[in-house]
C-alpha atoms as a PDB file:
ATOM      1  CA  UNK A   1       0.040   0.134   0.040  1.00  0.00           C
ATOM      2  CA  UNK A   2       1.460   3.597  -1.012  1.00  0.00           C
ATOM      3  CA  UNK A   3       0.874   6.916  -0.507  1.00  0.00           C
ATOM      4  CA  UNK A   4      -3.428   7.440   0.223  1.00  0.00           C
ATOM      5  CA  UNK A   5      -4.386   4.063  -1.089  1.00  0.00           C
ATOM      6  CA  UNK A   6      -6.497   2.421   0.836  1.00  0.00           C
ATOM      7  CA  UNK A   7      -7.334  -0.959   0.873  1.00  0.00           C
ATOM      8  CA  UNK A   8     -11.657  -1.312   0.522  1.00  0.00           C
ATOM      9  CA  UNK A   9     -12.847  -4.923   2.872  1.00  0.00           C
ATOM     10  CA  UNK A  10     -15.270  -7.227   1.981  1.00  0.00           C
ATOM     11  CA  UNK A  11     -17.870  -8.710   4.339  1.00  0.00           C
ATOM     12  CA  UNK A  12     -15.432 -11.854   4.169  1.00  0.00           C
ATOM     13  CA  UNK A  13     -12.897 -10.624   6.012  1.00  0.00           C
ATOM     14  CA  UNK A  14     -14.765  -9.488   8.778  1.00  0.00           C
ATOM     15  CA  UNK A  15     -16.018 -13.039   8.742  1.00  0.00           C
ATOM     16  CA  UNK A  16     -13.056 -15.061   8.112  1.00  0.00           C
ATOM     17  CA  UNK A  17     -11.680 -12.551  10.885  1.00  0.00           C
ATOM     18  CA  UNK A  18     -14.253 -13.830  13.667  1.00  0.00           C
ATOM     19  CA  UNK A  19     -14.588 -17.858  12.546  1.00  0.00           C
ATOM     20  CA  UNK A  20     -12.475 -20.188  14.286  1.00  0.00           C
ATOM     21  CA  UNK A  21     -12.990 -22.580  11.309  1.00  0.00           C
ATOM     22  CA  UNK A  22     -10.187 -21.866   9.338  1.00  0.00           C
ATOM     23  CA  UNK A  23      -7.356 -20.280  11.379  1.00  0.00           C
ATOM     24  CA  UNK A  24      -5.433 -19.837   8.230  1.00  0.00           C
ATOM     25  CA  UNK A  25      -8.355 -17.356   6.851  1.00  0.00           C
ATOM     26  CA  UNK A  26      -8.907 -15.943  10.449  1.00  0.00           C
ATOM     27  CA  UNK A  27      -5.246 -15.750  11.024  1.00  0.00           C
ATOM     28  CA  UNK A  28      -4.819 -13.550   7.036  1.00  0.00           C
ATOM     29  CA  UNK A  29      -7.970 -11.503   8.011  1.00  0.00           C
ATOM     30  CA  UNK A  30      -6.655 -10.307  11.243  1.00  0.00           C
ATOM     31  CA  UNK A  31      -2.874 -10.022  10.070  1.00  0.00           C
ATOM     32  CA  UNK A  32      -5.057  -7.222   7.481  1.00  0.00           C
ATOM     33  CA  UNK A  33      -7.169  -5.825   9.169  1.00  0.00           C
ATOM     34  CA  UNK A  34      -4.449  -5.272  12.128  1.00  0.00           C
ATOM     35  CA  UNK A  35      -2.672  -3.572   9.571  1.00  0.00           C
ATOM     36  CA  UNK A  36      -5.075  -1.245   8.363  1.00  0.00           C
ATOM     37  CA  UNK A  37      -6.027  -0.559  11.373  1.00  0.00           C
ATOM     38  CA  UNK A  38      -2.150   0.725  11.919  1.00  0.00           C
ATOM     39  CA  UNK A  39      -2.072   2.376   8.478  1.00  0.00           C
ATOM     40  CA  UNK A  40      -5.348   3.605   9.221  1.00  0.00           C
ATOM     41  CA  UNK A  41      -6.386   2.805   5.649  1.00  0.00           C
ATOM     42  CA  UNK A  42      -9.337   0.991   5.907  1.00  0.00           C
ATOM     43  CA  UNK A  43     -12.768   1.668   4.494  1.00  0.00           C
ATOM     44  CA  UNK A  44     -15.849  -0.820   3.603  1.00  0.00           C
ATOM     45  CA  UNK A  45     -18.757   0.048   3.614  1.00  0.00           C
ATOM     46  CA  UNK A  46     -22.667   0.483   5.696  1.00  0.00           C
ATOM     47  CA  UNK A  47     -22.992  -3.004   3.312  1.00  0.00           C
ATOM     48  CA  UNK A  48     -20.370  -4.877   4.400  1.00  0.00           C
ATOM     49  CA  UNK A  49     -20.948  -3.434   7.083  1.00  0.00           C
ATOM     50  CA  UNK A  50     -24.741  -5.423   7.702  1.00  0.00           C
ATOM     51  CA  UNK A  51     -24.031  -8.596   5.824  1.00  0.00           C
ATOM     52  CA  UNK A  52     -21.822  -9.220   8.470  1.00  0.00           C
ATOM     53  CA  UNK A  53     -23.495  -8.811  11.285  1.00  0.00           C
ATOM     54  CA  UNK A  54     -26.413 -11.538   9.643  1.00  0.00           C
ATOM     55  CA  UNK A  55     -23.784 -13.719   8.449  1.00  0.00           C
ATOM     56  CA  UNK A  56     -21.949 -14.047  11.831  1.00  0.00           C
ATOM     57  CA  UNK A  57     -25.535 -14.287  13.985  1.00  0.00           C
ATOM     58  CA  UNK A  58     -26.660 -15.822  11.447  1.00  0.00           C
ATOM     59  CA  UNK A  59     -24.957 -18.666  10.539  1.00  0.00           C
ATOM     60  CA  UNK A  60     -23.322 -18.245  14.143  1.00  0.00           C
ATOM     61  CA  UNK A  61     -19.845 -17.430  13.747  1.00  0.00           C
ATOM     62  CA  UNK A  62     -19.951 -15.115  16.527  1.00  0.00           C
ATOM     63  CA  UNK A  63     -22.615 -14.152  19.517  1.00  0.00           C
ATOM     64  CA  UNK A  64     -24.691 -11.280  18.634  1.00  0.00           C
ATOM     65  CA  UNK A  65     -23.058  -9.408  21.173  1.00  0.00           C
ATOM     66  CA  UNK A  66     -19.786  -9.756  19.802  1.00  0.00           C
ATOM     67  CA  UNK A  67     -21.037  -9.039  16.072  1.00  0.00           C
ATOM     68  CA  UNK A  68     -22.561  -5.927  17.557  1.00  0.00           C
ATOM     69  CA  UNK A  69     -19.537  -4.834  18.368  1.00  0.00           C
ATOM     70  CA  UNK A  70     -17.406  -4.994  15.169  1.00  0.00           C
ATOM     71  CA  UNK A  71     -20.317  -3.075  13.635  1.00  0.00           C
ATOM     72  CA  UNK A  72     -19.879  -0.093  16.142  1.00  0.00           C
ATOM     73  CA  UNK A  73     -15.823  -0.960  16.221  1.00  0.00           C
ATOM     74  CA  UNK A  74     -15.364  -1.257  12.183  1.00  0.00           C
ATOM     75  CA  UNK A  75     -18.605   1.751  11.430  1.00  0.00           C
ATOM     76  CA  UNK A  76     -14.867   4.280  12.450  1.00  0.00           C
ATOM     77  CA  UNK A  77     -13.079   3.726   9.651  1.00  0.00           C
ATOM     78  CA  UNK A  78     -14.515   5.887   6.516  1.00  0.00           C
ATOM     79  CA  UNK A  79     -17.909   4.356   4.528  1.00  0.00           C
ATOM     80  CA  UNK A  80     -18.437   4.810   1.142  1.00  0.00           C
ATOM     81  CA  UNK A  81     -21.348   3.885  -1.276  1.00  0.00           C
ATOM     82  CA  UNK A  82     -20.470   2.319  -4.222  1.00  0.00           C
ATOM     83  CA  UNK A  83     -20.667   4.626  -7.550  1.00  0.00           C
ATOM     84  CA  UNK A  84     -20.397   3.222 -10.734  1.00  0.00           C
ATOM     85  CA  UNK A  85     -16.898   3.894 -11.752  1.00  0.00           C
ATOM     86  CA  UNK A  86     -15.438   1.560  -8.501  1.00  0.00           C
ATOM     87  CA  UNK A  87     -17.975  -1.618  -9.126  1.00  0.00           C
ATOM     88  CA  UNK A  88     -16.975  -1.292 -12.355  1.00  0.00           C
ATOM     89  CA  UNK A  89     -12.989  -0.931 -11.621  1.00  0.00           C
ATOM     90  CA  UNK A  90     -10.877  -3.705 -11.356  1.00  0.00           C
ATOM     91  CA  UNK A  91      -8.318  -3.442  -8.190  1.00  0.00           C
ATOM     92  CA  UNK A  92      -5.306  -2.304  -9.679  1.00  0.00           C
ATOM     93  CA  UNK A  93      -3.276  -2.831  -7.241  1.00  0.00           C
ATOM     94  CA  UNK A  94      -4.240  -5.918  -5.630  1.00  0.00           C
ATOM     95  CA  UNK A  95      -1.832  -8.072  -6.690  1.00  0.00           C
ATOM     96  CA  UNK A  96       1.204  -5.732  -5.518  1.00  0.00           C
ATOM     97  CA  UNK A  97      -0.945  -5.398  -2.652  1.00  0.00           C
ATOM     98  CA  UNK A  98      -1.745  -9.529  -1.737  1.00  0.00           C
ATOM     99  CA  UNK A  99       1.767 -10.774  -2.240  1.00  0.00           C
ATOM    100  CA  UNK A 100       3.902  -8.088  -0.444  1.00  0.00           C
ATOM    101  CA  UNK A 101       1.997 -10.207   3.113  1.00  0.00           C
ATOM    102  CA  UNK A 102       0.958 -12.929   2.966  1.00  0.00           C
ATOM    103  CA  UNK A 103      -0.674 -14.703  -0.277  1.00  0.00           C
ATOM    104  CA  UNK A 104      -3.765 -16.300   1.265  1.00  0.00           C
ATOM    105  CA  UNK A 105      -5.246 -13.066   2.326  1.00  0.00           C
ATOM    106  CA  UNK A 106      -5.912 -12.744  -1.463  1.00  0.00           C
ATOM    107  CA  UNK A 107      -9.963 -11.537  -0.561  1.00  0.00           C
ATOM    108  CA  UNK A 108      -8.662  -8.308   0.477  1.00  0.00           C
ATOM    109  CA  UNK A 109     -10.691  -6.026  -2.237  1.00  0.00           C
ATOM    110  CA  UNK A 110      -7.696  -3.294  -2.481  1.00  0.00           C
ATOM    111  CA  UNK A 111      -8.677  -0.597  -4.027  1.00  0.00           C
ATOM    112  CA  UNK A 112      -9.005   3.722  -3.316  1.00  0.00           C
ATOM    113  CA  UNK A 113     -11.932   4.816  -1.637  1.00  0.00           C
ATOM    114  CA  UNK A 114     -11.517   9.268  -1.005  1.00  0.00           C
END
């Protein structure tokens, strides 16, 4: 990650971070989230937070209270709304960014968020 490029965090990253079913994915997700917290380059959307909460609770990945707390914490990140150019634009930096860390973290969606 360079400069002011932000990394948009997808719902699955938050789900992997709380789901112990796949320890490798959980470690990778938590590693990415730690880097994004430390650098201040993480962003997400209200849709991601909503999808996380619904899926985390419905699929039993975490307790209701913990899922609510995750939403509260990540709601402090920059929240972006998807617009056509963002949806249509490929992840130009995804390969560069995702290969600098653990390859199993390639499910992190990287794009400009602001």
